[in-house]
Amino acid sequence: MKQLKINPQVYDDLLSIKEFISEDSLEEAQRVIGKILDDIE
């Protein structure tokens, strides 16, 4: 299994996106971040 290395700025941006979406739905936030990471790979 390969390991994805994410630039610290990108990581911070992903956390910000997750926090924003989590205000409405934690499950949706996790789904969106998972989709973004899958697409990056």
N, C-alpha and C. Protein backbone atom coordinates (compact mmCIF):
# COMPACT_ATOMS: atom_id res chain seq x y z
N MET A 1 0.85 -1.19 0.00
CA MET A 1 0.00 0.00 0.00
C MET A 1 0.89 1.24 0.00
N LYS A 2 0.60 2.14 -0.94
CA LYS A 2 1.40 3.36 -0.97
C LYS A 2 0.85 4.38 0.02
N GLN A 3 1.73 5.24 0.48
CA GLN A 3 1.35 6.24 1.47
C GLN A 3 1.28 7.60 0.78
N LEU A 4 0.18 8.30 0.98
CA LEU A 4 -0.03 9.60 0.39
C LEU A 4 0.56 10.66 1.32
N LYS A 5 1.44 11.50 0.77
CA LYS A 5 1.99 12.61 1.55
C LYS A 5 1.30 13.89 1.10
N ILE A 6 0.73 14.59 2.06
CA ILE A 6 -0.03 15.80 1.76
C ILE A 6 0.72 17.01 2.29
N ASN A 7 0.83 18.01 1.44
CA ASN A 7 1.43 19.28 1.82
C ASN A 7 0.70 19.84 3.04
N PRO A 8 1.42 20.40 4.01
CA PRO A 8 0.76 20.92 5.22
C PRO A 8 -0.35 21.94 4.93
N GLN A 9 -0.19 22.77 3.91
CA GLN A 9 -1.23 23.74 3.57
C GLN A 9 -2.49 23.03 3.07
N VAL A 10 -2.30 22.00 2.27
CA VAL A 10 -3.43 21.22 1.77
C VAL A 10 -4.15 20.55 2.93
N TYR A 11 -3.38 20.00 3.87
CA TYR A 11 -3.96 19.36 5.05
C TYR A 11 -4.81 20.37 5.83
N ASP A 12 -4.27 21.56 6.04
CA ASP A 12 -5.02 22.60 6.75
C ASP A 12 -6.31 22.96 6.01
N ASP A 13 -6.22 23.03 4.69
CA ASP A 13 -7.41 23.34 3.89
C ASP A 13 -8.46 22.24 4.03
N LEU A 14 -8.02 20.98 4.01
CA LEU A 14 -8.96 19.87 4.17
C LEU A 14 -9.64 19.92 5.54
N LEU A 15 -8.88 20.26 6.56
CA LEU A 15 -9.48 20.38 7.90
C LEU A 15 -10.52 21.50 7.93
N SER A 16 -10.21 22.61 7.26
CA SER A 16 -11.16 23.73 7.21
C SER A 16 -12.44 23.33 6.48
N ILE A 17 -12.29 22.60 5.38
CA ILE A 17 -13.46 22.12 4.64
C ILE A 17 -14.28 21.19 5.53
N LYS A 18 -13.60 20.27 6.21
CA LYS A 18 -14.32 19.32 7.08
C LYS A 18 -15.06 20.05 8.20
N GLU A 19 -14.41 21.02 8.82
CA GLU A 19 -15.06 21.77 9.89
C GLU A 19 -16.30 22.52 9.38
N PHE A 20 -16.17 23.11 8.20
CA PHE A 20 -17.28 23.87 7.64
C PHE A 20 -18.48 22.96 7.36
N ILE A 21 -18.24 21.85 6.69
CA ILE A 21 -19.33 20.93 6.35
C ILE A 21 -19.89 20.28 7.62
N SER A 22 -19.03 20.03 8.61
CA SER A 22 -19.46 19.39 9.86
C SER A 22 -20.49 20.20 10.62
N GLU A 23 -20.55 21.49 10.35
CA GLU A 23 -21.56 22.32 11.01
C GLU A 23 -22.96 21.84 10.67
N ASP A 24 -23.11 21.23 9.48
CA ASP A 24 -24.41 20.68 9.07
C ASP A 24 -24.47 19.18 9.27
N SER A 25 -23.37 18.47 8.95
CA SER A 25 -23.39 17.01 9.01
C SER A 25 -21.98 16.45 9.08
N LEU A 26 -21.66 15.81 10.19
CA LEU A 26 -20.34 15.19 10.34
C LEU A 26 -20.16 14.06 9.32
N GLU A 27 -21.21 13.29 9.11
CA GLU A 27 -21.12 12.17 8.16
C GLU A 27 -20.82 12.67 6.76
N GLU A 28 -21.48 13.74 6.36
CA GLU A 28 -21.26 14.30 5.02
C GLU A 28 -19.85 14.86 4.91
N ALA A 29 -19.37 15.49 5.97
CA ALA A 29 -18.00 16.02 5.96
C ALA A 29 -16.99 14.90 5.76
N GLN A 30 -17.18 13.80 6.46
CA GLN A 30 -16.27 12.66 6.33
C GLN A 30 -16.35 12.07 4.92
N ARG A 31 -17.54 12.02 4.35
CA ARG A 31 -17.71 11.49 3.00
C ARG A 31 -16.98 12.37 1.98
N VAL A 32 -17.15 13.69 2.11
CA VAL A 32 -16.53 14.62 1.17
C VAL A 32 -15.01 14.55 1.25
N ILE A 33 -14.47 14.55 2.45
CA ILE A 33 -13.01 14.49 2.61
C ILE A 33 -12.48 13.15 2.09
N GLY A 34 -13.20 12.09 2.37
CA GLY A 34 -12.80 10.77 1.84
C GLY A 34 -12.78 10.77 0.33
N LYS A 35 -13.80 11.38 -0.29
CA LYS A 35 -13.87 11.46 -1.75
C LYS A 35 -12.71 12.27 -2.30
N ILE A 36 -12.40 13.39 -1.67
CA ILE A 36 -11.27 14.23 -2.11
C ILE A 36 -9.98 13.43 -2.05
N LEU A 37 -9.74 12.73 -0.93
CA LEU A 37 -8.50 11.95 -0.79
C LEU A 37 -8.45 10.81 -1.80
N ASP A 38 -9.58 10.17 -2.05
CA ASP A 38 -9.62 9.11 -3.06
C ASP A 38 -9.26 9.66 -4.44
N ASP A 39 -9.81 10.83 -4.76
CA ASP A 39 -9.53 11.44 -6.06
C ASP A 39 -8.07 11.87 -6.20
N ILE A 40 -7.46 12.29 -5.10
CA ILE A 40 -6.05 12.68 -5.13
C ILE A 40 -5.17 11.48 -5.46
N GLU A 41 -5.52 10.33 -4.88
CA GLU A 41 -4.74 9.13 -5.11
C GLU A 41 -4.85 8.72 -6.56
